[in-house]
N, C-alpha and C. Protein backbone atom coordinates (compact mmCIF):
# COMPACT_ATOMS: atom_id res chain seq x y z
N MET A 1 -40.81 -51.44 -207.84
CA MET A 1 -41.86 -52.11 -207.07
C MET A 1 -41.37 -52.32 -205.64
N LYS A 2 -42.23 -51.96 -204.68
CA LYS A 2 -41.89 -52.12 -203.28
C LYS A 2 -42.23 -53.53 -202.83
N VAL A 3 -41.27 -54.21 -202.26
CA VAL A 3 -41.49 -55.55 -201.73
C VAL A 3 -42.09 -55.41 -200.33
N PRO A 4 -43.21 -56.10 -200.05
CA PRO A 4 -43.82 -55.97 -198.72
C PRO A 4 -42.94 -56.58 -197.63
N THR A 5 -43.00 -55.97 -196.45
CA THR A 5 -42.30 -56.54 -195.29
C THR A 5 -43.06 -57.79 -194.85
N GLN A 6 -42.45 -58.56 -193.97
CA GLN A 6 -43.12 -59.78 -193.49
C GLN A 6 -44.45 -59.45 -192.80
N PRO A 7 -44.51 -58.43 -191.91
CA PRO A 7 -45.82 -58.11 -191.32
C PRO A 7 -46.85 -57.65 -192.36
N GLU A 8 -46.43 -56.89 -193.36
CA GLU A 8 -47.35 -56.46 -194.42
C GLU A 8 -47.87 -57.67 -195.20
N LEU A 9 -46.99 -58.60 -195.49
CA LEU A 9 -47.39 -59.81 -196.21
C LEU A 9 -48.36 -60.65 -195.37
N THR A 10 -48.07 -60.79 -194.09
CA THR A 10 -48.97 -61.54 -193.20
C THR A 10 -50.34 -60.88 -193.15
N HIS A 11 -50.37 -59.55 -193.06
CA HIS A 11 -51.64 -58.82 -193.05
C HIS A 11 -52.42 -59.08 -194.34
N LEU A 12 -51.74 -59.03 -195.47
CA LEU A 12 -52.41 -59.29 -196.76
C LEU A 12 -52.97 -60.71 -196.80
N GLN A 13 -52.21 -61.68 -196.29
CA GLN A 13 -52.67 -63.06 -196.27
C GLN A 13 -53.90 -63.21 -195.37
N LEU A 14 -53.86 -62.58 -194.20
CA LEU A 14 -55.00 -62.67 -193.28
C LEU A 14 -56.24 -62.00 -193.87
N GLN A 15 -56.05 -60.86 -194.52
CA GLN A 15 -57.19 -60.17 -195.14
C GLN A 15 -57.80 -61.02 -196.25
N ALA A 16 -56.96 -61.69 -197.03
CA ALA A 16 -57.46 -62.57 -198.09
C ALA A 16 -58.23 -63.75 -197.50
N MET A 17 -57.72 -64.31 -196.39
CA MET A 17 -58.42 -65.41 -195.72
C MET A 17 -59.79 -64.97 -195.22
N LEU A 18 -59.83 -63.80 -194.59
CA LEU A 18 -61.09 -63.31 -194.06
C LEU A 18 -62.09 -63.00 -195.17
N ARG A 19 -61.58 -62.52 -196.30
CA ARG A 19 -62.44 -62.19 -197.45
C ARG A 19 -62.97 -63.46 -198.12
N ASP A 20 -62.13 -64.46 -198.27
CA ASP A 20 -62.48 -65.64 -199.08
C ASP A 20 -63.11 -66.79 -198.31
N HIS A 21 -63.06 -66.74 -196.99
CA HIS A 21 -63.56 -67.87 -196.18
C HIS A 21 -64.46 -67.34 -195.07
N ALA A 22 -65.37 -68.16 -194.65
CA ALA A 22 -66.30 -67.79 -193.57
C ALA A 22 -65.67 -68.12 -192.22
N ILE A 23 -64.68 -67.34 -191.84
CA ILE A 23 -64.00 -67.56 -190.57
C ILE A 23 -64.78 -66.81 -189.49
N PRO A 24 -65.23 -67.51 -188.46
CA PRO A 24 -66.01 -66.84 -187.41
C PRO A 24 -65.16 -65.78 -186.69
N GLU A 25 -65.79 -64.69 -186.30
CA GLU A 25 -65.08 -63.64 -185.57
C GLU A 25 -64.52 -64.14 -184.25
N SER A 26 -65.10 -65.23 -183.73
CA SER A 26 -64.58 -65.80 -182.49
C SER A 26 -63.22 -66.47 -182.71
N GLU A 27 -62.85 -66.72 -183.97
CA GLU A 27 -61.56 -67.32 -184.28
C GLU A 27 -60.55 -66.27 -184.74
N LEU A 28 -60.97 -65.35 -185.61
CA LEU A 28 -60.07 -64.34 -186.14
C LEU A 28 -60.87 -63.11 -186.55
N MET A 29 -60.45 -61.95 -186.02
CA MET A 29 -61.14 -60.71 -186.36
C MET A 29 -60.12 -59.59 -186.47
N TYR A 30 -60.24 -58.80 -187.54
CA TYR A 30 -59.38 -57.64 -187.75
C TYR A 30 -59.86 -56.51 -186.85
N LEU A 31 -58.96 -55.92 -186.06
CA LEU A 31 -59.32 -54.86 -185.13
C LEU A 31 -58.98 -53.47 -185.63
N GLY A 32 -58.22 -53.38 -186.71
CA GLY A 32 -57.82 -52.08 -187.23
C GLY A 32 -56.35 -51.81 -186.95
N ASP A 33 -55.92 -50.61 -187.31
CA ASP A 33 -54.53 -50.23 -187.11
C ASP A 33 -54.36 -49.54 -185.77
N ARG A 34 -53.28 -49.90 -185.09
CA ARG A 34 -52.94 -49.32 -183.79
C ARG A 34 -51.44 -49.09 -183.75
N GLU A 35 -51.04 -48.24 -182.82
CA GLU A 35 -49.60 -48.01 -182.64
C GLU A 35 -48.99 -49.15 -181.84
N TYR A 36 -47.82 -49.56 -182.26
CA TYR A 36 -47.04 -50.55 -181.50
C TYR A 36 -46.17 -49.75 -180.54
N THR A 37 -46.62 -49.63 -179.29
CA THR A 37 -45.97 -48.76 -178.32
C THR A 37 -44.81 -49.46 -177.61
N THR A 38 -44.08 -48.69 -176.83
CA THR A 38 -42.96 -49.25 -176.06
C THR A 38 -43.43 -50.19 -174.96
N GLU A 39 -44.74 -50.22 -174.73
CA GLU A 39 -45.31 -51.17 -173.76
C GLU A 39 -45.06 -52.61 -174.22
N TYR A 40 -44.95 -52.81 -175.52
CA TYR A 40 -44.73 -54.14 -176.08
C TYR A 40 -43.24 -54.33 -176.34
N GLN A 41 -42.67 -55.36 -175.77
CA GLN A 41 -41.23 -55.55 -175.79
C GLN A 41 -40.73 -56.51 -176.87
N ALA A 42 -41.61 -57.27 -177.49
CA ALA A 42 -41.18 -58.33 -178.40
C ALA A 42 -40.42 -57.81 -179.62
N HIS A 43 -40.83 -56.67 -180.15
CA HIS A 43 -40.22 -56.15 -181.37
C HIS A 43 -39.91 -54.66 -181.22
N PRO A 44 -38.82 -54.31 -180.56
CA PRO A 44 -38.51 -52.89 -180.36
C PRO A 44 -38.32 -52.14 -181.68
N GLU A 45 -38.00 -52.84 -182.75
CA GLU A 45 -37.81 -52.18 -184.05
C GLU A 45 -39.11 -51.60 -184.59
N TYR A 46 -40.27 -52.02 -184.04
CA TYR A 46 -41.56 -51.51 -184.50
C TYR A 46 -42.14 -50.44 -183.57
N HIS A 47 -41.44 -50.10 -182.48
CA HIS A 47 -41.97 -49.09 -181.55
C HIS A 47 -42.29 -47.80 -182.29
N GLY A 48 -43.48 -47.27 -182.01
CA GLY A 48 -43.93 -46.03 -182.62
C GLY A 48 -44.59 -46.20 -183.98
N GLN A 49 -44.56 -47.40 -184.55
CA GLN A 49 -45.17 -47.63 -185.86
C GLN A 49 -46.63 -48.07 -185.69
N THR A 50 -47.43 -47.72 -186.67
CA THR A 50 -48.82 -48.16 -186.71
C THR A 50 -48.88 -49.44 -187.54
N MET A 51 -49.58 -50.43 -187.00
CA MET A 51 -49.71 -51.70 -187.73
C MET A 51 -51.06 -52.34 -187.46
N PRO A 52 -51.47 -53.29 -188.29
CA PRO A 52 -52.75 -53.98 -188.10
C PRO A 52 -52.72 -54.87 -186.85
N TRP A 53 -53.85 -54.93 -186.17
CA TRP A 53 -54.03 -55.80 -185.00
C TRP A 53 -55.20 -56.73 -185.27
N TYR A 54 -55.12 -57.93 -184.69
CA TYR A 54 -56.15 -58.95 -184.85
C TYR A 54 -56.55 -59.51 -183.49
N LEU A 55 -57.79 -59.93 -183.39
CA LEU A 55 -58.27 -60.67 -182.23
C LEU A 55 -58.22 -62.14 -182.62
N VAL A 56 -57.42 -62.91 -181.90
CA VAL A 56 -57.22 -64.32 -182.22
C VAL A 56 -57.85 -65.17 -181.12
N GLY A 57 -58.65 -66.13 -181.54
CA GLY A 57 -59.28 -67.04 -180.59
C GLY A 57 -60.27 -66.37 -179.67
N GLY A 58 -60.75 -65.20 -180.05
CA GLY A 58 -61.74 -64.50 -179.26
C GLY A 58 -61.22 -63.87 -177.98
N GLU A 59 -59.88 -63.95 -177.76
CA GLU A 59 -59.38 -63.41 -176.49
C GLU A 59 -58.00 -62.74 -176.55
N HIS A 60 -57.25 -62.94 -177.61
CA HIS A 60 -55.89 -62.39 -177.68
C HIS A 60 -55.80 -61.29 -178.73
N GLU A 61 -55.53 -60.06 -178.30
CA GLU A 61 -55.31 -58.96 -179.23
C GLU A 61 -53.83 -58.97 -179.60
N VAL A 62 -53.56 -59.18 -180.89
CA VAL A 62 -52.19 -59.44 -181.35
C VAL A 62 -51.83 -58.51 -182.51
N PRO A 63 -50.66 -57.86 -182.42
CA PRO A 63 -50.20 -57.10 -183.59
C PRO A 63 -49.75 -58.07 -184.67
N VAL A 64 -49.91 -57.68 -185.91
CA VAL A 64 -49.59 -58.58 -187.02
C VAL A 64 -48.13 -59.04 -186.99
N CYS A 65 -47.23 -58.23 -186.43
CA CYS A 65 -45.82 -58.62 -186.38
C CYS A 65 -45.58 -59.80 -185.45
N ASP A 66 -46.54 -60.11 -184.56
CA ASP A 66 -46.41 -61.24 -183.65
C ASP A 66 -47.04 -62.52 -184.20
N ILE A 67 -47.61 -62.45 -185.38
CA ILE A 67 -48.19 -63.65 -186.01
C ILE A 67 -47.10 -64.25 -186.88
N ALA A 68 -46.59 -65.40 -186.46
CA ALA A 68 -45.42 -66.01 -187.09
C ALA A 68 -45.70 -66.51 -188.50
N SER A 69 -46.87 -67.11 -188.71
CA SER A 69 -47.17 -67.64 -190.04
C SER A 69 -48.67 -67.80 -190.19
N VAL A 70 -49.08 -67.92 -191.43
CA VAL A 70 -50.48 -68.16 -191.76
C VAL A 70 -50.51 -69.51 -192.48
N ASP A 71 -50.96 -70.53 -191.75
CA ASP A 71 -50.99 -71.88 -192.31
C ASP A 71 -52.40 -72.42 -192.27
N ARG A 72 -52.73 -73.16 -193.29
CA ARG A 72 -54.05 -73.79 -193.36
C ARG A 72 -54.03 -75.06 -192.51
N VAL A 73 -55.12 -75.27 -191.78
CA VAL A 73 -55.28 -76.49 -191.00
C VAL A 73 -56.50 -77.20 -191.53
N ASP A 74 -56.30 -78.38 -192.06
CA ASP A 74 -57.41 -79.19 -192.57
C ASP A 74 -57.91 -80.11 -191.47
N ASP A 75 -59.12 -80.63 -191.64
CA ASP A 75 -59.64 -81.60 -190.68
C ASP A 75 -58.73 -82.81 -190.58
N ASP A 76 -58.04 -83.16 -191.66
CA ASP A 76 -57.12 -84.30 -191.65
C ASP A 76 -55.91 -84.04 -190.75
N ASP A 77 -55.62 -82.76 -190.47
CA ASP A 77 -54.47 -82.42 -189.64
C ASP A 77 -54.76 -82.55 -188.15
N VAL A 78 -56.03 -82.69 -187.80
CA VAL A 78 -56.40 -82.77 -186.40
C VAL A 78 -56.16 -84.20 -185.90
N VAL A 79 -55.46 -84.30 -184.79
CA VAL A 79 -55.12 -85.61 -184.24
C VAL A 79 -56.27 -86.07 -183.35
N PRO A 80 -56.82 -87.25 -183.62
CA PRO A 80 -57.91 -87.75 -182.78
C PRO A 80 -57.41 -88.05 -181.36
N GLU A 81 -58.33 -87.93 -180.40
CA GLU A 81 -57.94 -88.12 -179.01
C GLU A 81 -57.59 -89.57 -178.69
N ASN A 82 -58.01 -90.52 -179.51
CA ASN A 82 -57.79 -91.94 -179.18
C ASN A 82 -56.54 -92.51 -179.84
N ASP A 83 -55.60 -91.67 -180.28
CA ASP A 83 -54.41 -92.16 -180.95
C ASP A 83 -53.24 -92.41 -180.01
N GLY A 84 -53.48 -92.28 -178.70
CA GLY A 84 -52.40 -92.46 -177.75
C GLY A 84 -51.71 -91.16 -177.36
N TRP A 85 -51.97 -90.08 -178.12
CA TRP A 85 -51.37 -88.78 -177.80
C TRP A 85 -52.34 -87.86 -177.12
N GLY A 86 -53.61 -88.22 -177.12
CA GLY A 86 -54.64 -87.37 -176.54
C GLY A 86 -54.64 -87.42 -175.02
N PRO A 87 -55.68 -86.87 -174.40
CA PRO A 87 -55.76 -86.86 -172.93
C PRO A 87 -55.72 -88.27 -172.36
N GLN A 88 -54.99 -88.41 -171.30
CA GLN A 88 -54.88 -89.72 -170.64
C GLN A 88 -55.91 -89.80 -169.51
N GLU A 89 -56.55 -90.91 -169.43
CA GLU A 89 -57.58 -91.10 -168.37
C GLU A 89 -57.06 -91.94 -167.26
């Protein structure tokens, strides 16, 4: 049995999230497979490889190898602005 690499596992997790939840395309959208060219410097070990890319937040095209983790954020995890940590007036 082949053990998936971290980017492959992240891609599988993201695909499951998109399949099982109504995530708006403005938050996360699968763009398809693209080559990770030498133009991208973060992971030279992936140069020349084809990998999944995602549009994150409606503005950032990101290769799956640059997505550090897939974590759930609940409404309870959101910090209200009036807790002293929010914007100061």
